Amino acid sequence: MTTLKHRAAWAAIGTLALACGTLIIGPAQSASAANCRSWGTTDTAADIVGAYTHGEGCTLDSGRVQIDVTIEDTRADGKGACAQLHATYADGGTRDEWVYVAGAGNTLDRSFNYASSVRNIWVREGLGNNGVCTEMAGGTHKVWPK
């Protein structure tokens, strides 16, 4: 009976290991490293003192575009840091996404997914209060396509 219990236990462990291996090894996204490019706003026209924004833009196997963004509030000045992502589509449509974080040293990670008809995406940093951007950098930085 002990042998039967051991076999059942090992079978359960093997099944769990296989499941975990699949979860760990299997990709969450269908983007390969060759389809991704990192970007950052430091020393660009989209840069503003008090915010640090960077990320990665990926063309997924489906043709869709994924933009990953990390924003950090870099100053203890009572203002929050924000970033605007602006996308333009083939049909002339646009889409804006806003990311906001407050508190010196605090960061926020976000991911946005765009249809394959997106033609370009730019970012710019800003500062604000209570989740509202009130002061934006004077320029923009193209994050997709690079």
N, C-alpha and C. Protein backbone atom coordinates (compact mmCIF):
# COMPACT_ATOMS: atom_id res chain seq x y z
N MET A 1 0.82 -1.18 0.00
CA MET A 1 0.00 0.00 0.00
C MET A 1 0.87 1.26 0.00
N THR A 2 1.99 1.18 0.72
CA THR A 2 2.90 2.32 0.74
C THR A 2 3.42 2.63 -0.66
N THR A 3 3.75 1.61 -1.42
CA THR A 3 4.24 1.79 -2.78
C THR A 3 3.19 2.47 -3.64
N LEU A 4 1.96 2.09 -3.50
CA LEU A 4 0.86 2.70 -4.25
C LEU A 4 0.72 4.18 -3.89
N LYS A 5 0.84 4.49 -2.60
CA LYS A 5 0.76 5.89 -2.16
C LYS A 5 1.94 6.69 -2.73
N HIS A 6 3.13 6.07 -2.71
CA HIS A 6 4.31 6.76 -3.24
C HIS A 6 4.16 7.02 -4.74
N ARG A 7 3.65 6.03 -5.47
CA ARG A 7 3.45 6.22 -6.91
C ARG A 7 2.45 7.34 -7.17
N ALA A 8 1.38 7.37 -6.38
CA ALA A 8 0.37 8.42 -6.54
C ALA A 8 0.98 9.78 -6.22
N ALA A 9 1.79 9.83 -5.17
CA ALA A 9 2.43 11.10 -4.79
C ALA A 9 3.39 11.56 -5.88
N TRP A 10 4.22 10.63 -6.40
CA TRP A 10 5.16 11.00 -7.46
C TRP A 10 4.43 11.40 -8.74
N ALA A 11 3.34 10.75 -9.02
CA ALA A 11 2.54 11.12 -10.20
C ALA A 11 2.00 12.53 -10.04
N ALA A 12 1.53 12.85 -8.83
CA ALA A 12 1.01 14.20 -8.57
C ALA A 12 2.13 15.23 -8.68
N ILE A 13 3.30 14.90 -8.13
CA ILE A 13 4.43 15.83 -8.20
C ILE A 13 4.86 16.02 -9.65
N GLY A 14 4.91 14.94 -10.41
CA GLY A 14 5.28 15.04 -11.83
C GLY A 14 4.30 15.89 -12.61
N THR A 15 3.01 15.70 -12.33
CA THR A 15 1.98 16.51 -13.01
C THR A 15 2.13 17.97 -12.64
N LEU A 16 2.36 18.25 -11.35
CA LEU A 16 2.54 19.62 -10.89
C LEU A 16 3.79 20.24 -11.53
N ALA A 17 4.88 19.49 -11.57
CA ALA A 17 6.11 20.01 -12.17
C ALA A 17 5.90 20.31 -13.65
N LEU A 18 5.19 19.42 -14.33
CA LEU A 18 4.92 19.64 -15.74
C LEU A 18 4.07 20.90 -15.93
N ALA A 19 3.05 21.06 -15.09
CA ALA A 19 2.19 22.24 -15.18
C ALA A 19 2.98 23.50 -14.88
N CYS A 20 3.80 23.46 -13.85
CA CYS A 20 4.60 24.64 -13.51
C CYS A 20 5.61 24.94 -14.61
N GLY A 21 6.22 23.92 -15.15
CA GLY A 21 7.17 24.12 -16.24
C GLY A 21 6.51 24.77 -17.43
N THR A 22 5.30 24.37 -17.72
CA THR A 22 4.56 24.97 -18.83
C THR A 22 4.25 26.42 -18.52
N LEU A 23 3.87 26.69 -17.28
CA LEU A 23 3.55 28.07 -16.92
C LEU A 23 4.79 28.94 -16.95
N ILE A 24 5.90 28.41 -16.51
CA ILE A 24 7.12 29.20 -16.47
C ILE A 24 7.72 29.37 -17.86
N ILE A 25 7.73 28.30 -18.63
CA ILE A 25 8.38 28.33 -19.93
C ILE A 25 7.49 28.95 -21.00
N GLY A 26 6.21 28.68 -20.96
CA GLY A 26 5.30 29.18 -21.99
C GLY A 26 5.21 30.69 -22.00
N PRO A 27 5.29 31.32 -23.17
CA PRO A 27 5.25 32.78 -23.24
C PRO A 27 3.85 33.33 -22.95
N ALA A 28 3.81 34.42 -22.20
CA ALA A 28 2.54 35.07 -21.92
C ALA A 28 2.10 35.90 -23.12
N GLN A 29 3.04 36.39 -23.88
CA GLN A 29 2.76 37.20 -25.06
C GLN A 29 3.26 36.43 -26.27
N SER A 30 2.79 36.79 -27.44
CA SER A 30 3.31 36.14 -28.64
C SER A 30 4.29 37.07 -29.35
N ALA A 31 5.11 37.77 -28.58
CA ALA A 31 6.15 38.63 -29.15
C ALA A 31 7.50 37.98 -28.92
N SER A 32 8.34 38.05 -29.88
CA SER A 32 9.69 37.53 -29.69
C SER A 32 10.62 38.71 -29.44
N ALA A 33 11.76 38.43 -28.85
CA ALA A 33 12.70 39.50 -28.53
C ALA A 33 13.10 40.30 -29.77
N ALA A 34 13.14 39.65 -30.92
CA ALA A 34 13.51 40.34 -32.16
C ALA A 34 12.46 41.35 -32.58
N ASN A 35 11.24 41.21 -32.11
CA ASN A 35 10.15 42.11 -32.49
C ASN A 35 9.96 43.25 -31.50
N CYS A 36 10.83 43.36 -30.50
CA CYS A 36 10.68 44.38 -29.46
C CYS A 36 11.87 45.34 -29.47
N ARG A 37 11.58 46.59 -29.16
CA ARG A 37 12.64 47.60 -29.05
C ARG A 37 12.36 48.46 -27.82
N SER A 38 13.42 48.69 -27.06
CA SER A 38 13.27 49.53 -25.87
C SER A 38 13.31 51.00 -26.26
N TRP A 39 12.74 51.83 -25.41
CA TRP A 39 12.73 53.27 -25.64
C TRP A 39 12.78 53.97 -24.29
N GLY A 40 13.14 55.24 -24.31
CA GLY A 40 13.16 56.07 -23.11
C GLY A 40 13.10 57.53 -23.49
N THR A 41 12.63 58.35 -22.58
CA THR A 41 12.46 59.78 -22.88
C THR A 41 13.63 60.63 -22.40
N THR A 42 14.57 60.05 -21.65
CA THR A 42 15.69 60.82 -21.13
C THR A 42 16.45 61.50 -22.27
N ASP A 43 16.72 62.80 -22.09
CA ASP A 43 17.45 63.61 -23.06
C ASP A 43 16.77 63.71 -24.42
N THR A 44 15.44 63.64 -24.43
CA THR A 44 14.67 63.86 -25.66
C THR A 44 13.77 65.07 -25.43
N ALA A 45 13.10 65.52 -26.47
CA ALA A 45 12.17 66.66 -26.34
C ALA A 45 10.98 66.32 -25.45
N ALA A 46 10.75 65.03 -25.20
CA ALA A 46 9.63 64.58 -24.37
C ALA A 46 9.98 64.50 -22.89
N ASP A 47 11.21 64.83 -22.53
CA ASP A 47 11.72 64.72 -21.16
C ASP A 47 11.33 65.94 -20.33
N ILE A 48 10.93 65.70 -19.08
CA ILE A 48 10.66 66.80 -18.15
C ILE A 48 11.27 66.42 -16.80
N VAL A 49 11.87 67.37 -16.12
CA VAL A 49 12.49 67.12 -14.82
C VAL A 49 11.39 66.74 -13.82
N GLY A 50 11.59 65.61 -13.15
CA GLY A 50 10.62 65.13 -12.17
C GLY A 50 9.94 63.84 -12.58
N ALA A 51 10.15 63.43 -13.83
CA ALA A 51 9.56 62.18 -14.33
C ALA A 51 10.62 61.39 -15.09
N TYR A 52 10.52 60.08 -15.01
CA TYR A 52 11.40 59.20 -15.78
C TYR A 52 10.50 58.14 -16.41
N THR A 53 10.42 58.15 -17.74
CA THR A 53 9.54 57.24 -18.47
C THR A 53 10.35 56.44 -19.48
N HIS A 54 10.14 55.15 -19.47
CA HIS A 54 10.81 54.27 -20.42
C HIS A 54 9.96 53.02 -20.61
N GLY A 55 10.33 52.22 -21.61
CA GLY A 55 9.56 51.00 -21.84
C GLY A 55 10.04 50.24 -23.04
N GLU A 56 9.10 49.51 -23.62
CA GLU A 56 9.41 48.65 -24.75
C GLU A 56 8.21 48.62 -25.69
N GLY A 57 8.48 48.62 -26.97
CA GLY A 57 7.43 48.48 -27.98
C GLY A 57 7.63 47.19 -28.74
N CYS A 58 6.58 46.39 -28.85
CA CYS A 58 6.68 45.08 -29.50
C CYS A 58 5.61 44.93 -30.57
N THR A 59 6.02 44.38 -31.69
CA THR A 59 5.06 43.95 -32.70
C THR A 59 4.79 42.47 -32.42
N LEU A 60 3.55 42.16 -32.07
CA LEU A 60 3.18 40.79 -31.73
C LEU A 60 3.01 39.95 -33.00
N ASP A 61 3.06 38.66 -32.84
CA ASP A 61 2.90 37.76 -33.99
C ASP A 61 1.58 37.99 -34.71
N SER A 62 0.57 38.45 -34.00
CA SER A 62 -0.75 38.72 -34.59
C SER A 62 -0.76 40.00 -35.41
N GLY A 63 0.32 40.81 -35.32
CA GLY A 63 0.37 42.09 -36.00
C GLY A 63 0.00 43.25 -35.10
N ARG A 64 -0.60 42.94 -33.95
CA ARG A 64 -0.93 44.00 -32.99
C ARG A 64 0.36 44.54 -32.38
N VAL A 65 0.27 45.70 -31.76
CA VAL A 65 1.43 46.36 -31.15
C VAL A 65 1.18 46.48 -29.66
N GLN A 66 2.18 46.12 -28.88
CA GLN A 66 2.09 46.26 -27.42
C GLN A 66 3.16 47.24 -26.97
N ILE A 67 2.74 48.22 -26.19
CA ILE A 67 3.67 49.18 -25.60
C ILE A 67 3.66 48.99 -24.09
N ASP A 68 4.82 48.69 -23.53
CA ASP A 68 4.99 48.58 -22.09
C ASP A 68 5.62 49.88 -21.60
N VAL A 69 5.09 50.42 -20.53
CA VAL A 69 5.53 51.72 -20.00
C VAL A 69 5.85 51.59 -18.52
N THR A 70 6.97 52.17 -18.11
CA THR A 70 7.28 52.34 -16.70
C THR A 70 7.50 53.83 -16.47
N ILE A 71 6.81 54.37 -15.48
CA ILE A 71 6.98 55.78 -15.15
C ILE A 71 7.36 55.89 -13.68
N GLU A 72 8.27 56.81 -13.39
CA GLU A 72 8.72 57.04 -12.02
C GLU A 72 8.63 58.53 -11.69
N ASP A 73 8.14 58.82 -10.49
CA ASP A 73 8.17 60.18 -9.96
C ASP A 73 9.56 60.33 -9.33
N THR A 74 10.38 61.21 -9.88
CA THR A 74 11.78 61.29 -9.46
C THR A 74 12.09 62.45 -8.51
N ARG A 75 11.10 63.26 -8.15
CA ARG A 75 11.38 64.40 -7.27
C ARG A 75 10.36 64.49 -6.14
N ALA A 76 10.85 64.86 -4.98
CA ALA A 76 9.99 65.11 -3.83
C ALA A 76 9.57 66.58 -3.86
N ASP A 77 8.73 66.92 -4.84
CA ASP A 77 8.33 68.31 -5.03
C ASP A 77 6.83 68.53 -4.87
N GLY A 78 6.12 67.51 -4.41
CA GLY A 78 4.67 67.63 -4.24
C GLY A 78 3.89 67.43 -5.53
N LYS A 79 4.58 67.21 -6.63
CA LYS A 79 3.91 66.98 -7.92
C LYS A 79 4.05 65.50 -8.29
N GLY A 80 3.08 65.00 -9.01
CA GLY A 80 3.15 63.64 -9.53
C GLY A 80 3.75 63.66 -10.92
N ALA A 81 4.16 62.50 -11.39
CA ALA A 81 4.71 62.35 -12.74
C ALA A 81 3.66 61.68 -13.62
N CYS A 82 3.58 62.13 -14.87
CA CYS A 82 2.62 61.51 -15.78
C CYS A 82 3.25 61.37 -17.16
N ALA A 83 2.63 60.53 -17.97
CA ALA A 83 3.07 60.35 -19.35
C ALA A 83 1.84 60.18 -20.21
N GLN A 84 1.90 60.76 -21.39
CA GLN A 84 0.85 60.62 -22.39
C GLN A 84 1.39 59.78 -23.54
N LEU A 85 0.65 58.75 -23.91
CA LEU A 85 0.95 57.97 -25.12
C LEU A 85 -0.12 58.33 -26.14
N HIS A 86 0.31 58.71 -27.33
CA HIS A 86 -0.63 59.12 -28.38
C HIS A 86 -0.40 58.25 -29.61
N ALA A 87 -1.45 57.55 -30.04
CA ALA A 87 -1.37 56.66 -31.20
C ALA A 87 -2.20 57.23 -32.34
N THR A 88 -1.69 57.08 -33.55
CA THR A 88 -2.42 57.46 -34.77
C THR A 88 -2.61 56.20 -35.61
N TYR A 89 -3.84 56.02 -36.11
CA TYR A 89 -4.19 54.83 -36.89
C TYR A 89 -4.28 55.15 -38.38
N ALA A 90 -4.27 54.11 -39.19
CA ALA A 90 -4.31 54.24 -40.66
C ALA A 90 -5.53 55.01 -41.13
N ASP A 91 -6.65 54.89 -40.43
CA ASP A 91 -7.88 55.58 -40.85
C ASP A 91 -7.96 57.02 -40.34
N GLY A 92 -6.87 57.50 -39.69
CA GLY A 92 -6.84 58.86 -39.17
C GLY A 92 -7.29 58.97 -37.72
N GLY A 93 -7.81 57.90 -37.17
CA GLY A 93 -8.23 57.91 -35.77
C GLY A 93 -7.04 58.01 -34.83
N THR A 94 -7.30 58.45 -33.61
CA THR A 94 -6.25 58.58 -32.61
C THR A 94 -6.71 57.96 -31.29
N ARG A 95 -5.74 57.69 -30.45
CA ARG A 95 -6.01 57.13 -29.12
C ARG A 95 -4.97 57.68 -28.16
N ASP A 96 -5.42 58.18 -27.03
CA ASP A 96 -4.51 58.67 -25.99
C ASP A 96 -4.65 57.82 -24.74
N GLU A 97 -3.52 57.49 -24.15
CA GLU A 97 -3.47 56.79 -22.86
C GLU A 97 -2.63 57.64 -21.92
N TRP A 98 -3.06 57.71 -20.67
CA TRP A 98 -2.36 58.51 -19.67
C TRP A 98 -1.94 57.61 -18.52
N VAL A 99 -0.71 57.82 -18.04
CA VAL A 99 -0.19 57.07 -16.90
C VAL A 99 0.26 58.10 -15.87
N TYR A 100 -0.11 57.89 -14.60
CA TYR A 100 0.17 58.86 -13.55
C TYR A 100 0.65 58.14 -12.29
N VAL A 101 1.70 58.67 -11.68
CA VAL A 101 2.19 58.14 -10.40
C VAL A 101 2.66 59.32 -9.56
N ALA A 102 2.45 59.24 -8.25
CA ALA A 102 2.86 60.34 -7.36
C ALA A 102 3.64 59.78 -6.18
N GLY A 103 4.57 60.58 -5.71
CA GLY A 103 5.41 60.20 -4.57
C GLY A 103 6.81 59.87 -5.04
N ALA A 104 7.77 60.67 -4.61
CA ALA A 104 9.15 60.50 -5.06
C ALA A 104 9.60 59.05 -4.90
N GLY A 105 10.13 58.49 -5.98
CA GLY A 105 10.61 57.11 -5.97
C GLY A 105 9.56 56.08 -6.33
N ASN A 106 8.30 56.46 -6.38
CA ASN A 106 7.25 55.52 -6.75
C ASN A 106 7.24 55.30 -8.26
N THR A 107 6.96 54.06 -8.66
CA THR A 107 6.89 53.72 -10.08
C THR A 107 5.56 53.03 -10.38
N LEU A 108 5.21 53.04 -11.64
CA LEU A 108 4.00 52.35 -12.11
C LEU A 108 4.31 51.73 -13.47
N ASP A 109 3.93 50.47 -13.64
CA ASP A 109 4.10 49.76 -14.90
C ASP A 109 2.73 49.54 -15.53
N ARG A 110 2.63 49.82 -16.82
CA ARG A 110 1.39 49.58 -17.56
C ARG A 110 1.72 49.03 -18.93
N SER A 111 0.78 48.30 -19.51
CA SER A 111 0.90 47.79 -20.87
C SER A 111 -0.34 48.18 -21.65
N PHE A 112 -0.13 48.58 -22.89
CA PHE A 112 -1.24 48.95 -23.77
C PHE A 112 -1.11 48.16 -25.06
N ASN A 113 -2.23 47.71 -25.59
CA ASN A 113 -2.26 46.89 -26.79
C ASN A 113 -3.01 47.65 -27.87
N TYR A 114 -2.43 47.73 -29.06
CA TYR A 114 -2.99 48.51 -30.16
C TYR A 114 -3.27 47.61 -31.36
N ALA A 115 -4.27 47.97 -32.14
CA ALA A 115 -4.61 47.23 -33.36
C ALA A 115 -3.46 47.30 -34.36
N SER A 116 -3.42 46.35 -35.27
CA SER A 116 -2.35 46.30 -36.26
C SER A 116 -2.38 47.49 -37.22
N SER A 117 -3.48 48.23 -37.24
CA SER A 117 -3.58 49.39 -38.12
C SER A 117 -2.95 50.65 -37.53
N VAL A 118 -2.33 50.54 -36.33
CA VAL A 118 -1.67 51.70 -35.74
C VAL A 118 -0.46 52.06 -36.61
N ARG A 119 -0.26 53.35 -36.84
CA ARG A 119 0.84 53.80 -37.70
C ARG A 119 2.00 54.39 -36.92
N ASN A 120 1.73 55.10 -35.84
CA ASN A 120 2.82 55.59 -35.00
C ASN A 120 2.30 55.88 -33.60
N ILE A 121 3.22 55.83 -32.63
CA ILE A 121 2.90 56.10 -31.23
C ILE A 121 4.02 56.96 -30.67
N TRP A 122 3.64 58.07 -30.04
CA TRP A 122 4.63 58.89 -29.37
C TRP A 122 4.28 59.05 -27.90
N VAL A 123 5.27 59.49 -27.12
CA VAL A 123 5.09 59.68 -25.69
C VAL A 123 5.64 61.05 -25.31
N ARG A 124 5.11 61.61 -24.24
CA ARG A 124 5.71 62.80 -23.62
C ARG A 124 5.41 62.76 -22.13
N GLU A 125 6.35 63.28 -21.36
CA GLU A 125 6.22 63.30 -19.90
C GLU A 125 5.54 64.59 -19.45
N GLY A 126 5.05 64.53 -18.22
CA GLY A 126 4.45 65.71 -17.62
C GLY A 126 4.47 65.62 -16.11
N LEU A 127 3.97 66.68 -15.50
CA LEU A 127 3.83 66.75 -14.04
C LEU A 127 2.40 67.15 -13.73
N GLY A 128 1.94 66.83 -12.54
CA GLY A 128 0.58 67.19 -12.19
C GLY A 128 0.26 66.99 -10.73
N ASN A 129 -1.01 67.13 -10.43
CA ASN A 129 -1.52 66.98 -9.07
C ASN A 129 -2.82 66.19 -9.09
N ASN A 130 -3.00 65.36 -8.08
CA ASN A 130 -4.25 64.61 -7.91
C ASN A 130 -4.65 63.82 -9.15
N GLY A 131 -3.69 63.24 -9.84
CA GLY A 131 -3.98 62.40 -10.99
C GLY A 131 -4.23 63.14 -12.29
N VAL A 132 -4.04 64.46 -12.29
CA VAL A 132 -4.27 65.27 -13.49
C VAL A 132 -2.95 65.90 -13.93
N CYS A 133 -2.60 65.70 -15.19
CA CYS A 133 -1.38 66.31 -15.74
C CYS A 133 -1.66 67.78 -16.03
N THR A 134 -0.83 68.65 -15.48
CA THR A 134 -1.04 70.09 -15.66
C THR A 134 0.11 70.78 -16.39
N GLU A 135 1.24 70.11 -16.51
CA GLU A 135 2.42 70.68 -17.18
C GLU A 135 3.07 69.58 -18.00
N MET A 136 3.17 69.78 -19.31
CA MET A 136 3.71 68.75 -20.19
C MET A 136 5.03 69.19 -20.81
N ALA A 137 5.86 68.22 -21.15
CA ALA A 137 7.12 68.50 -21.86
C ALA A 137 6.80 69.19 -23.18
N GLY A 138 7.75 69.96 -23.68
CA GLY A 138 7.53 70.74 -24.89
C GLY A 138 7.50 69.95 -26.18
N GLY A 139 7.98 68.72 -26.15
CA GLY A 139 8.03 67.92 -27.37
C GLY A 139 7.59 66.49 -27.13
N THR A 140 7.72 65.68 -28.15
CA THR A 140 7.32 64.27 -28.07
C THR A 140 8.48 63.38 -28.49
N HIS A 141 8.34 62.09 -28.20
CA HIS A 141 9.35 61.10 -28.58
C HIS A 141 8.64 59.90 -29.18
N LYS A 142 9.02 59.54 -30.39
CA LYS A 142 8.39 58.42 -31.08
C LYS A 142 8.85 57.10 -30.46
N VAL A 143 7.89 56.26 -30.05
CA VAL A 143 8.23 54.97 -29.45
C VAL A 143 7.89 53.80 -30.36
N TRP A 144 7.05 54.05 -31.37
CA TRP A 144 6.73 52.99 -32.34
C TRP A 144 6.24 53.61 -33.63
N PRO A 145 6.63 53.16 -34.83
CA PRO A 145 7.76 52.24 -34.98
C PRO A 145 9.07 52.98 -34.77
N LYS A 146 10.10 52.26 -34.41
CA LYS A 146 11.42 52.87 -34.18
C LYS A 146 12.19 52.90 -35.48
